[in-house]
C-alpha atoms as a PDB file:
ATOM      1  CA  MET A   1       5.932 -12.538 -56.768  1.00  0.00           C
ATOM      2  CA  THR A   2       2.330 -13.666 -56.136  1.00  0.00           C
ATOM      3  CA  PRO A   3       1.609 -17.056 -57.891  1.00  0.00           C
ATOM      4  CA  PRO A   4      -0.959 -16.605 -60.737  1.00  0.00           C
ATOM      5  CA  GLU A   5      -3.455 -18.845 -59.275  1.00  0.00           C
ATOM      6  CA  THR A   6      -3.672 -16.711 -56.147  1.00  0.00           C
ATOM      7  CA  LYS A   7      -3.929 -13.400 -57.959  1.00  0.00           C
ATOM      8  CA  ARG A   8      -6.983 -11.359 -57.271  1.00  0.00           C
ATOM      9  CA  PRO A   9      -9.436 -10.799 -60.165  1.00  0.00           C
ATOM     10  CA  PHE A  10      -8.617  -7.072 -60.288  1.00  0.00           C
ATOM     11  CA  GLU A  11      -4.945  -7.846 -60.431  1.00  0.00           C
ATOM     12  CA  THR A  12      -5.122 -10.076 -63.443  1.00  0.00           C
ATOM     13  CA  GLY A  13      -6.726  -7.366 -65.518  1.00  0.00           C
ATOM     14  CA  ALA A  14      -9.940  -9.464 -65.983  1.00  0.00           C
ATOM     15  CA  VAL A  15     -13.273  -7.879 -65.531  1.00  0.00           C
ATOM     16  CA  ALA A  16     -15.465  -9.540 -62.921  1.00  0.00           C
ATOM     17  CA  PRO A  17     -18.824 -10.848 -64.148  1.00  0.00           C
ATOM     18  CA  SER A  18     -21.743  -8.581 -63.395  1.00  0.00           C
ATOM     19  CA  ASN A  19     -23.394 -11.208 -61.175  1.00  0.00           C
ATOM     20  CA  VAL A  20     -20.309 -11.502 -58.891  1.00  0.00           C
ATOM     21  CA  LEU A  21     -20.038  -9.083 -56.027  1.00  0.00           C
ATOM     22  CA  PRO A  22     -16.642  -7.386 -55.689  1.00  0.00           C
ATOM     23  CA  VAL A  23     -15.609  -9.278 -52.607  1.00  0.00           C
ATOM     24  CA  ASP A  24     -11.969  -9.599 -51.637  1.00  0.00           C
ATOM     25  CA  VAL A  25     -11.369 -13.389 -51.270  1.00  0.00           C
ATOM     26  CA  PHE A  26      -8.526 -12.667 -49.033  1.00  0.00           C
ATOM     27  CA  ASP A  27     -10.655 -10.774 -46.509  1.00  0.00           C
ATOM     28  CA  GLU A  28     -11.371 -12.642 -43.331  1.00  0.00           C
ATOM     29  CA  PRO A  29     -14.121 -11.882 -40.787  1.00  0.00           C
ATOM     30  CA  VAL A  30     -12.846  -9.373 -38.209  1.00  0.00           C
ATOM     31  CA  HIS A  31     -13.401 -10.632 -34.606  1.00  0.00           C
ATOM     32  CA  ARG A  32     -13.897  -7.498 -32.661  1.00  0.00           C
ATOM     33  CA  PRO A  33     -13.422  -7.672 -28.928  1.00  0.00           C
ATOM     34  CA  SER A  34     -16.642  -7.774 -27.023  1.00  0.00           C
ATOM     35  CA  ARG A  35     -17.605  -4.512 -25.427  1.00  0.00           C
ATOM     36  CA  GLY A  36     -19.275  -3.649 -22.145  1.00  0.00           C
ATOM     37  CA  PRO A  37     -18.438  -4.456 -18.558  1.00  0.00           C
ATOM     38  CA  LEU A  38     -18.363  -8.265 -19.170  1.00  0.00           C
ATOM     39  CA  GLY A  39     -15.976  -7.948 -22.078  1.00  0.00           C
ATOM     40  CA  THR A  40     -13.725  -5.547 -20.184  1.00  0.00           C
ATOM     41  CA  ALA A  41     -13.565  -7.840 -17.122  1.00  0.00           C
ATOM     42  CA  ARG A  42     -12.809 -10.806 -19.431  1.00  0.00           C
ATOM     43  CA  LYS A  43      -9.951  -8.852 -21.074  1.00  0.00           C
ATOM     44  CA  TYR A  44      -8.292  -7.817 -17.793  1.00  0.00           C
ATOM     45  CA  SER A  45      -8.822 -11.212 -16.229  1.00  0.00           C
ATOM     46  CA  LYS A  46      -6.638 -12.609 -19.111  1.00  0.00           C
ATOM     47  CA  ILE A  47      -3.941 -10.014 -18.326  1.00  0.00           C
ATOM     48  CA  PHE A  48      -4.151 -11.086 -14.682  1.00  0.00           C
ATOM     49  CA  ARG A  49      -3.656 -14.819 -15.630  1.00  0.00           C
ATOM     50  CA  ALA A  50      -0.767 -14.071 -17.955  1.00  0.00           C
ATOM     51  CA  SER A  51       0.913 -11.838 -15.329  1.00  0.00           C
ATOM     52  CA  LEU A  52       0.359 -14.473 -12.573  1.00  0.00           C
ATOM     53  CA  VAL A  53       1.994 -17.122 -14.779  1.00  0.00           C
ATOM     54  CA  GLU A  54       4.976 -14.673 -15.475  1.00  0.00           C
ATOM     55  CA  ARG A  55       5.387 -13.742 -11.831  1.00  0.00           C
ATOM     56  CA  MET A  56       5.286 -17.383 -10.594  1.00  0.00           C
ATOM     57  CA  ALA A  57       8.269 -18.116 -12.782  1.00  0.00           C
ATOM     58  CA  TYR A  58      10.320 -15.914 -10.243  1.00  0.00           C
ATOM     59  CA  ARG A  59       9.010 -17.730  -7.083  1.00  0.00           C
ATOM     60  CA  GLY A  60      12.481 -18.510  -5.883  1.00  0.00           C
ATOM     61  CA  ASP A  61      13.353 -14.832  -5.971  1.00  0.00           C
ATOM     62  CA  PHE A  62      10.183 -14.024  -3.979  1.00  0.00           C
ATOM     63  CA  LEU A  63      11.085 -16.733  -1.402  1.00  0.00           C
ATOM     64  CA  LEU A  64      14.720 -15.528  -1.016  1.00  0.00           C
ATOM     65  CA  GLY A  65      13.754 -11.944  -0.795  1.00  0.00           C
ATOM     66  CA  THR A  66      11.195 -12.719   1.902  1.00  0.00           C
ATOM     67  CA  ILE A  67      13.790 -14.615   4.042  1.00  0.00           C
ATOM     68  CA  LEU A  68      16.260 -11.717   3.772  1.00  0.00           C
ATOM     69  CA  ARG A  69      13.684  -9.188   4.784  1.00  0.00           C
ATOM     70  CA  PHE A  70      13.352 -11.136   8.115  1.00  0.00           C
ATOM     71  CA  LEU A  71      16.970 -10.753   9.181  1.00  0.00           C
ATOM     72  CA  PRO A  72      16.621  -7.103  10.314  1.00  0.00           C
ATOM     73  CA  MET A  73      13.813  -8.157  12.700  1.00  0.00           C
ATOM     74  CA  ILE A  74      16.538  -9.744  14.972  1.00  0.00           C
ATOM     75  CA  THR A  75      18.185  -6.303  15.229  1.00  0.00           C
ATOM     76  CA  THR A  76      14.746  -4.641  15.715  1.00  0.00           C
ATOM     77  CA  ILE A  77      13.777  -6.830  18.594  1.00  0.00           C
ATOM     78  CA  LEU A  78      17.135  -6.281  20.350  1.00  0.00           C
ATOM     79  CA  LEU A  79      16.828  -2.550  19.766  1.00  0.00           C
ATOM     80  CA  TRP A  80      13.343  -2.259  21.202  1.00  0.00           C
ATOM     81  CA  LYS A  81      14.365  -4.498  24.177  1.00  0.00           C
ATOM     82  CA  ALA A  82      17.132  -1.975  25.018  1.00  0.00           C
ATOM     83  CA  VAL A  83      14.689   0.961  24.644  1.00  0.00           C
ATOM     84  CA  TYR A  84      12.145  -0.488  27.010  1.00  0.00           C
ATOM     85  CA  ALA A  85      14.876  -1.533  29.491  1.00  0.00           C
ATOM     86  CA  GLU A  86      16.392   1.947  29.357  1.00  0.00           C
ATOM     87  CA  SER A  87      12.945   3.734  29.851  1.00  0.00           C
ATOM     88  CA  GLY A  88      12.112   1.663  32.878  1.00  0.00           C
ATOM     89  CA  GLN A  89       8.522   1.465  31.715  1.00  0.00           C
ATOM     90  CA  ALA A  90       6.402  -1.477  30.831  1.00  0.00           C
ATOM     91  CA  SER A  91       4.442   0.494  28.240  1.00  0.00           C
ATOM     92  CA  LEU A  92       5.312   3.201  25.724  1.00  0.00           C
ATOM     93  CA  ALA A  93       2.432   5.254  24.223  1.00  0.00           C
ATOM     94  CA  GLY A  94       0.111   2.365  25.098  1.00  0.00           C
ATOM     95  CA  PHE A  95       2.309  -0.392  23.592  1.00  0.00           C
ATOM     96  CA  SER A  96       3.944  -2.975  25.740  1.00  0.00           C
ATOM     97  CA  PHE A  97       7.122  -4.611  24.638  1.00  0.00           C
ATOM     98  CA  ASP A  98       5.323  -7.667  23.204  1.00  0.00           C
ATOM     99  CA  GLU A  99       2.721  -5.433  21.435  1.00  0.00           C
ATOM    100  CA  MET A 100       5.556  -3.369  19.923  1.00  0.00           C
ATOM    101  CA  ILE A 101       7.223  -6.453  18.380  1.00  0.00           C
ATOM    102  CA  ALA A 102       3.868  -7.739  17.257  1.00  0.00           C
ATOM    103  CA  TYR A 103       3.129  -4.403  15.686  1.00  0.00           C
ATOM    104  CA  LEU A 104       6.446  -4.375  13.809  1.00  0.00           C
ATOM    105  CA  LEU A 105       5.809  -7.880  12.537  1.00  0.00           C
ATOM    106  CA  LEU A 106       2.287  -6.973  11.337  1.00  0.00           C
ATOM    107  CA  THR A 107       3.610  -3.911   9.396  1.00  0.00           C
ATOM    108  CA  HIS A 108       5.354  -6.504   7.209  1.00  0.00           C
ATOM    109  CA  ILE A 109       1.997  -7.865   6.207  1.00  0.00           C
ATOM    110  CA  SER A 110       0.600  -4.350   5.695  1.00  0.00           C
ATOM    111  CA  ARG A 111       3.448  -3.422   3.375  1.00  0.00           C
ATOM    112  CA  MET A 112       3.126  -6.698   1.605  1.00  0.00           C
ATOM    113  CA  PHE A 113      -0.221  -5.360   0.340  1.00  0.00           C
ATOM    114  CA  SER A 114       0.485  -1.649   0.072  1.00  0.00           C
ATOM    115  CA  SER A 115       3.964  -1.438  -1.371  1.00  0.00           C
ATOM    116  CA  MET A 116       4.303  -1.026  -5.110  1.00  0.00           C
ATOM    117  CA  PRO A 117       7.928  -1.471  -6.083  1.00  0.00           C
ATOM    118  CA  ASN A 118       8.823   0.235  -9.355  1.00  0.00           C
ATOM    119  CA  LEU A 119       5.251   1.382 -10.116  1.00  0.00           C
ATOM    120  CA  ALA A 120       5.650   5.098 -10.082  1.00  0.00           C
ATOM    121  CA  GLY A 121       9.159   4.835 -11.705  1.00  0.00           C
ATOM    122  CA  GLY A 122       7.794   2.499 -14.398  1.00  0.00           C
ATOM    123  CA  ILE A 123       5.050   4.880 -15.298  1.00  0.00           C
ATOM    124  CA  ALA A 124       7.404   7.864 -15.468  1.00  0.00           C
ATOM    125  CA  ARG A 125       9.852   5.868 -17.569  1.00  0.00           C
ATOM    126  CA  ASP A 126       7.069   4.924 -20.069  1.00  0.00           C
ATOM    127  CA  ILE A 127       6.153   8.587 -20.349  1.00  0.00           C
ATOM    128  CA  ARG A 128       9.705   9.677 -20.737  1.00  0.00           C
ATOM    129  CA  GLU A 129      10.748   7.055 -23.292  1.00  0.00           C
ATOM    130  CA  GLY A 130       7.567   7.210 -25.359  1.00  0.00           C
ATOM    131  CA  THR A 131       6.544   3.596 -24.606  1.00  0.00           C
ATOM    132  CA  LEU A 132       3.290   4.777 -23.127  1.00  0.00           C
ATOM    133  CA  LYS A 133       1.933   4.881 -26.678  1.00  0.00           C
ATOM    134  CA  ARG A 134       1.287   1.132 -26.582  1.00  0.00           C
ATOM    135  CA  TYR A 135      -1.652   1.776 -24.234  1.00  0.00           C
ATOM    136  CA  LEU A 136      -2.964   4.399 -26.699  1.00  0.00           C
ATOM    137  CA  VAL A 137      -2.796   2.298 -29.975  1.00  0.00           C
ATOM    138  CA  GLN A 138      -4.187  -0.823 -28.301  1.00  0.00           C
ATOM    139  CA  PRO A 139      -7.654  -1.291 -26.498  1.00  0.00           C
ATOM    140  CA  LEU A 140      -5.864  -1.186 -23.142  1.00  0.00           C
ATOM    141  CA  ASP A 141      -6.340   1.278 -20.373  1.00  0.00           C
ATOM    142  CA  LEU A 142      -2.955   2.062 -18.559  1.00  0.00           C
ATOM    143  CA  ILE A 143      -4.381   2.024 -15.029  1.00  0.00           C
ATOM    144  CA  GLY A 144      -6.578  -1.043 -15.742  1.00  0.00           C
ATOM    145  CA  TYR A 145      -3.571  -2.953 -17.119  1.00  0.00           C
ATOM    146  CA  LEU A 146      -1.269  -1.933 -14.253  1.00  0.00           C
ATOM    147  CA  ILE A 147      -3.776  -2.865 -11.465  1.00  0.00           C
ATOM    148  CA  SER A 148      -4.327  -6.267 -13.092  1.00  0.00           C
ATOM    149  CA  TYR A 149      -0.571  -6.801 -13.319  1.00  0.00           C
ATOM    150  CA  ARG A 150      -0.105  -5.726  -9.659  1.00  0.00           C
ATOM    151  CA  VAL A 151      -2.801  -8.003  -8.263  1.00  0.00           C
ATOM    152  CA  ALA A 152      -1.126 -10.884 -10.009  1.00  0.00           C
ATOM    153  CA  HIS A 153       2.194  -9.844  -8.446  1.00  0.00           C
ATOM    154  CA  LYS A 154       0.686  -9.676  -5.032  1.00  0.00           C
ATOM    155  CA  VAL A 155      -0.957 -13.065  -5.428  1.00  0.00           C
ATOM    156  CA  ALA A 156       2.223 -14.679  -6.552  1.00  0.00           C
ATOM    157  CA  TYR A 157       4.141 -12.990  -3.664  1.00  0.00           C
ATOM    158  CA  ILE A 158       1.679 -14.010  -1.003  1.00  0.00           C
ATOM    159  CA  VAL A 159       1.520 -17.657  -2.238  1.00  0.00           C
ATOM    160  CA  THR A 160       5.342 -18.054  -2.446  1.00  0.00           C
ATOM    161  CA  SER A 161       6.080 -16.244   0.897  1.00  0.00           C
ATOM    162  CA  PHE A 162       3.328 -17.911   2.845  1.00  0.00           C
ATOM    163  CA  LEU A 163       5.412 -20.546   4.411  1.00  0.00           C
ATOM    164  CA  PRO A 164       8.282 -18.227   5.488  1.00  0.00           C
ATOM    165  CA  TYR A 165       5.920 -15.795   7.044  1.00  0.00           C
ATOM    166  CA  ALA A 166       3.925 -18.701   8.835  1.00  0.00           C
ATOM    167  CA  LEU A 167       7.218 -19.932  10.262  1.00  0.00           C
ATOM    168  CA  LEU A 168       8.325 -16.362  11.393  1.00  0.00           C
ATOM    169  CA  PHE A 169       4.947 -15.776  13.130  1.00  0.00           C
ATOM    170  CA  TYR A 170       5.094 -19.245  14.660  1.00  0.00           C
ATOM    171  CA  ILE A 171       8.486 -18.458  16.180  1.00  0.00           C
ATOM    172  CA  CYS A 172       7.317 -15.096  17.396  1.00  0.00           C
ATOM    173  CA  LYS A 173       3.888 -16.327  18.605  1.00  0.00           C
ATOM    174  CA  ASP A 174       4.746 -15.448  22.240  1.00  0.00           C
ATOM    175  CA  TYR A 175       4.505 -11.776  21.277  1.00  0.00           C
ATOM    176  CA  PHE A 176       0.905 -12.200  20.324  1.00  0.00           C
ATOM    177  CA  HIS A 177      -1.603 -12.442  23.210  1.00  0.00           C
ATOM    178  CA  GLY A 178      -4.574 -14.140  21.673  1.00  0.00           C
ATOM    179  CA  PHE A 179      -6.155 -14.096  18.282  1.00  0.00           C
ATOM    180  CA  PRO A 180      -8.680 -11.390  17.250  1.00  0.00           C
ATOM    181  CA  ASP A 181     -12.364 -12.136  17.120  1.00  0.00           C
ATOM    182  CA  ALA A 182     -14.122 -12.794  13.772  1.00  0.00           C
ATOM    183  CA  LEU A 183     -15.411  -9.145  13.405  1.00  0.00           C
ATOM    184  CA  THR A 184     -11.975  -7.687  14.065  1.00  0.00           C
ATOM    185  CA  LEU A 185     -10.375 -10.148  11.711  1.00  0.00           C
ATOM    186  CA  LEU A 186     -12.837  -9.244   9.029  1.00  0.00           C
ATOM    187  CA  ALA A 187     -12.076  -5.565   9.554  1.00  0.00           C
ATOM    188  CA  TYR A 188      -8.324  -6.383   9.295  1.00  0.00           C
ATOM    189  CA  LEU A 189      -8.767  -8.143   5.961  1.00  0.00           C
ATOM    190  CA  ALA A 190     -10.815  -5.252   4.648  1.00  0.00           C
ATOM    191  CA  SER A 191      -8.029  -2.745   5.739  1.00  0.00           C
ATOM    192  CA  LEU A 192      -5.452  -4.790   3.970  1.00  0.00           C
ATOM    193  CA  ILE A 193      -7.344  -4.833   0.732  1.00  0.00           C
ATOM    194  CA  MET A 194      -7.957  -1.100   0.903  1.00  0.00           C
ATOM    195  CA  ALA A 195      -4.293  -0.661   1.851  1.00  0.00           C
ATOM    196  CA  PHE A 196      -3.518  -2.235  -1.495  1.00  0.00           C
ATOM    197  CA  LEU A 197      -5.804   0.266  -3.281  1.00  0.00           C
ATOM    198  CA  VAL A 198      -4.408   3.283  -1.454  1.00  0.00           C
ATOM    199  CA  GLY A 199      -0.825   2.241  -2.122  1.00  0.00           C
ATOM    200  CA  PHE A 200      -1.486   1.504  -5.832  1.00  0.00           C
ATOM    201  CA  PHE A 201      -3.377   4.678  -6.724  1.00  0.00           C
ATOM    202  CA  PHE A 202      -1.085   6.926  -4.724  1.00  0.00           C
ATOM    203  CA  GLU A 203       2.018   5.572  -6.488  1.00  0.00           C
ATOM    204  CA  ALA A 204       0.200   5.800  -9.820  1.00  0.00           C
ATOM    205  CA  CYS A 205      -0.369   9.529  -8.992  1.00  0.00           C
ATOM    206  CA  VAL A 206       3.198  10.035  -8.175  1.00  0.00           C
ATOM    207  CA  GLY A 207       4.190   8.448 -11.532  1.00  0.00           C
ATOM    208  CA  MET A 208       1.901  10.650 -13.473  1.00  0.00           C
ATOM    209  CA  VAL A 209       4.167  13.548 -12.447  1.00  0.00           C
ATOM    210  CA  GLY A 210       6.308  12.361 -15.288  1.00  0.00           C
ATOM    211  CA  PHE A 211       3.946  14.129 -17.723  1.00  0.00           C
ATOM    212  CA  TRP A 212       5.214  17.453 -16.392  1.00  0.00           C
ATOM    213  CA  PHE A 213       8.798  16.601 -15.235  1.00  0.00           C
ATOM    214  CA  LEU A 214      11.346  14.970 -17.484  1.00  0.00           C
ATOM    215  CA  GLU A 215      13.249  13.373 -14.596  1.00  0.00           C
ATOM    216  CA  VAL A 216      11.356  12.367 -11.345  1.00  0.00           C
ATOM    217  CA  THR A 217      13.870  10.113  -9.734  1.00  0.00           C
ATOM    218  CA  SER A 218      14.707  12.547  -6.963  1.00  0.00           C
ATOM    219  CA  ILE A 219      11.010  13.177  -6.387  1.00  0.00           C
ATOM    220  CA  LEU A 220      10.316   9.475  -6.105  1.00  0.00           C
ATOM    221  CA  PHE A 221      13.235   9.010  -3.718  1.00  0.00           C
ATOM    222  CA  ILE A 222      11.934  11.790  -1.397  1.00  0.00           C
ATOM    223  CA  VAL A 223       8.411  10.592  -1.463  1.00  0.00           C
ATOM    224  CA  MET A 224       9.155   6.945  -0.832  1.00  0.00           C
ATOM    225  CA  THR A 225      11.545   7.748   1.966  1.00  0.00           C
ATOM    226  CA  LEU A 226       9.004   9.982   3.779  1.00  0.00           C
ATOM    227  CA  ASN A 227       6.306   7.415   3.116  1.00  0.00           C
ATOM    228  CA  PHE A 228       8.359   4.706   4.934  1.00  0.00           C
ATOM    229  CA  PHE A 229       8.360   6.841   8.092  1.00  0.00           C
ATOM    230  CA  ILE A 230       4.943   8.567   8.160  1.00  0.00           C
ATOM    231  CA  SER A 231       3.063   5.387   7.218  1.00  0.00           C
ATOM    232  CA  GLY A 232       4.152   3.985  10.549  1.00  0.00           C
ATOM    233  CA  GLN A 233       6.447   1.164   9.203  1.00  0.00           C
ATOM    234  CA  MET A 234       9.367   2.223  11.304  1.00  0.00           C
ATOM    235  CA  LEU A 235       7.391   2.808  14.537  1.00  0.00           C
ATOM    236  CA  PRO A 236       3.900   3.387  15.729  1.00  0.00           C
ATOM    237  CA  LEU A 237       2.622   6.796  15.161  1.00  0.00           C
ATOM    238  CA  ASP A 238       1.502   7.055  18.691  1.00  0.00           C
ATOM    239  CA  LEU A 239       5.138   7.318  19.886  1.00  0.00           C
ATOM    240  CA  LEU A 240       5.463  10.696  18.085  1.00  0.00           C
ATOM    241  CA  PRO A 241       4.720  13.855  20.236  1.00  0.00           C
ATOM    242  CA  LYS A 242       1.582  15.831  19.666  1.00  0.00           C
ATOM    243  CA  PRO A 243       0.537  17.457  17.396  1.00  0.00           C
ATOM    244  CA  TRP A 244       2.686  15.316  14.966  1.00  0.00           C
ATOM    245  CA  SER A 245       0.951  12.071  15.777  1.00  0.00           C
ATOM    246  CA  THR A 246      -2.482  13.599  15.307  1.00  0.00           C
ATOM    247  CA  ILE A 247      -1.418  15.241  11.960  1.00  0.00           C
ATOM    248  CA  LEU A 248       0.075  12.004  10.629  1.00  0.00           C
ATOM    249  CA  LYS A 249      -3.027   9.938  11.650  1.00  0.00           C
ATOM    250  CA  SER A 250      -5.145  12.312   9.625  1.00  0.00           C
ATOM    251  CA  LEU A 251      -3.175  11.673   6.460  1.00  0.00           C
ATOM    252  CA  PRO A 252      -3.810   8.723   4.048  1.00  0.00           C
ATOM    253  CA  PHE A 253      -0.281   7.328   4.562  1.00  0.00           C
ATOM    254  CA  GLN A 254      -1.169   5.585   7.894  1.00  0.00           C
ATOM    255  CA  TYR A 255      -3.545   3.272   6.136  1.00  0.00           C
ATOM    256  CA  MET A 256      -0.588   1.670   4.261  1.00  0.00           C
ATOM    257  CA  ALA A 257       1.129   0.205   7.431  1.00  0.00           C
ATOM    258  CA  TYR A 258      -0.035   1.603  10.730  1.00  0.00           C
ATOM    259  CA  PHE A 259      -3.723   1.228  10.578  1.00  0.00           C
ATOM    260  CA  PRO A 260      -4.033  -2.532   9.567  1.00  0.00           C
ATOM    261  CA  ALA A 261      -1.539  -3.389  12.334  1.00  0.00           C
ATOM    262  CA  VAL A 262      -3.426  -1.615  15.103  1.00  0.00           C
ATOM    263  CA  VAL A 263      -6.718  -3.081  13.905  1.00  0.00           C
ATOM    264  CA  PHE A 264      -5.247  -6.614  14.312  1.00  0.00           C
ATOM    265  CA  LEU A 265      -3.981  -5.793  17.752  1.00  0.00           C
ATOM    266  CA  GLY A 266      -7.429  -4.480  18.725  1.00  0.00           C
ATOM    267  CA  LYS A 267      -6.454  -0.953  19.520  1.00  0.00           C
ATOM    268  CA  VAL A 268      -9.190   0.459  17.140  1.00  0.00           C
ATOM    269  CA  LYS A 269     -12.693  -0.754  17.978  1.00  0.00           C
ATOM    270  CA  GLY A 270     -16.351  -0.034  17.660  1.00  0.00           C
ATOM    271  CA  VAL A 271     -17.532   3.072  15.982  1.00  0.00           C
ATOM    272  CA  THR A 272     -13.987   4.521  15.592  1.00  0.00           C
ATOM    273  CA  LEU A 273     -13.068   1.379  13.728  1.00  0.00           C
ATOM    274  CA  ALA A 274     -16.112   1.693  11.323  1.00  0.00           C
ATOM    275  CA  TRP A 275     -15.324   5.434  10.760  1.00  0.00           C
ATOM    276  CA  SER A 276     -11.688   4.656  10.042  1.00  0.00           C
ATOM    277  CA  LEU A 277     -12.470   1.918   7.453  1.00  0.00           C
ATOM    278  CA  LEU A 278     -14.821   4.457   5.736  1.00  0.00           C
ATOM    279  CA  ALA A 279     -11.937   7.090   5.683  1.00  0.00           C
ATOM    280  CA  GLN A 280      -9.623   4.515   4.306  1.00  0.00           C
ATOM    281  CA  ALA A 281     -12.067   3.738   1.446  1.00  0.00           C
ATOM    282  CA  ALA A 282     -12.708   7.409   0.908  1.00  0.00           C
ATOM    283  CA  TRP A 283      -8.887   7.958   0.452  1.00  0.00           C
ATOM    284  CA  ALA A 284      -8.641   4.982  -1.924  1.00  0.00           C
ATOM    285  CA  LEU A 285     -11.393   6.565  -4.023  1.00  0.00           C
ATOM    286  CA  PHE A 286      -9.797   9.938  -3.935  1.00  0.00           C
ATOM    287  CA  PHE A 287      -6.363   8.697  -5.199  1.00  0.00           C
ATOM    288  CA  ALA A 288      -8.229   6.608  -7.875  1.00  0.00           C
ATOM    289  CA  LEU A 289      -9.967   9.672  -9.188  1.00  0.00           C
ATOM    290  CA  LEU A 290      -6.842  11.799  -8.869  1.00  0.00           C
ATOM    291  CA  ALA A 291      -4.771   9.269 -10.822  1.00  0.00           C
ATOM    292  CA  ARG A 292      -7.429   9.147 -13.574  1.00  0.00           C
ATOM    293  CA  THR A 293      -7.562  12.944 -13.749  1.00  0.00           C
ATOM    294  CA  LEU A 294      -3.814  13.338 -13.821  1.00  0.00           C
ATOM    295  CA  TYR A 295      -3.674  10.716 -16.649  1.00  0.00           C
ATOM    296  CA  ARG A 296      -6.263  12.557 -18.771  1.00  0.00           C
ATOM    297  CA  LEU A 297      -4.541  15.905 -18.268  1.00  0.00           C
ATOM    298  CA  GLY A 298      -1.163  14.487 -18.928  1.00  0.00           C
ATOM    299  CA  LEU A 299      -2.239  12.936 -22.291  1.00  0.00           C
ATOM    300  CA  ARG A 300      -3.121  16.360 -23.495  1.00  0.00           C
ATOM    301  CA  ARG A 301       0.541  17.423 -23.357  1.00  0.00           C
ATOM    302  CA  TYR A 302       2.020  13.991 -24.220  1.00  0.00           C
ATOM    303  CA  SER A 303       4.085  13.412 -27.365  1.00  0.00           C
ATOM    304  CA  ALA A 304       5.665  10.018 -28.354  1.00  0.00           C
ATOM    305  CA  PHE A 305       8.453   9.765 -30.895  1.00  0.00           C
ATOM    306  CA  GLY A 306      10.399   6.844 -32.303  1.00  0.00           C
ATOM    307  CA  GLY A 307       9.374   3.508 -33.708  1.00  0.00           C
END
């Protein structure tokens, strides 16, 4: 029961004096979030900071996972050494043995930026279980929230795995013949950032399929398995016979692994490099618009049940 001294005037049955405005004394000023680009940036920067703190709590997991990923490299080096020895050639599709190992090492860096574990599956699960509604009843955009969270995830992963990667590349430094010039290095960094955008928005598009299909696990498995191969993570796309190599190089998946690696190795230069970077940016924009379109269309048929 509410104590008498805290009862509101209209609850005690008393009539408020005519000179007193009917103001609820329990009302507090509402602090509405600031609007506009600055307010939006501030909101998602807070999500980034909170996500970064959360992900840094698992830095030991990142470190151990990074070290375990390096173990297959021993088998990979021995395998390609046998391939080159059996072929009797010093170069395969323009890659020497040292360049091949350097390429495979560099694809680890490419996938560090472009891989999005559990992103598509998480979106599909939110749609299926109805938890997507939390983005609809709060001033949060699903894609904006997820990209802030993923940037925090990548920053935490890069920071915690920097030393293991530095040690690995130091051990394998003999496979790299020189360091790229400043312009090539700048292009390489740009390709990594856009690899993140291509990978994020592509997986977001795959996850949006959950609006139309109840179970997408099989679809995700097929897409991710194919992506591992056609992105060039397993081997350079140049090794494939034509026209397959040409077809795969015209698809956006090469920008997730193959393209940044060959940029660092200096195999794409000049005008070709500039056009390739523009094409990568265009694919990132295409998937961003496609993800936003699929999200809007999906919300028209979305129904959430439960508490």
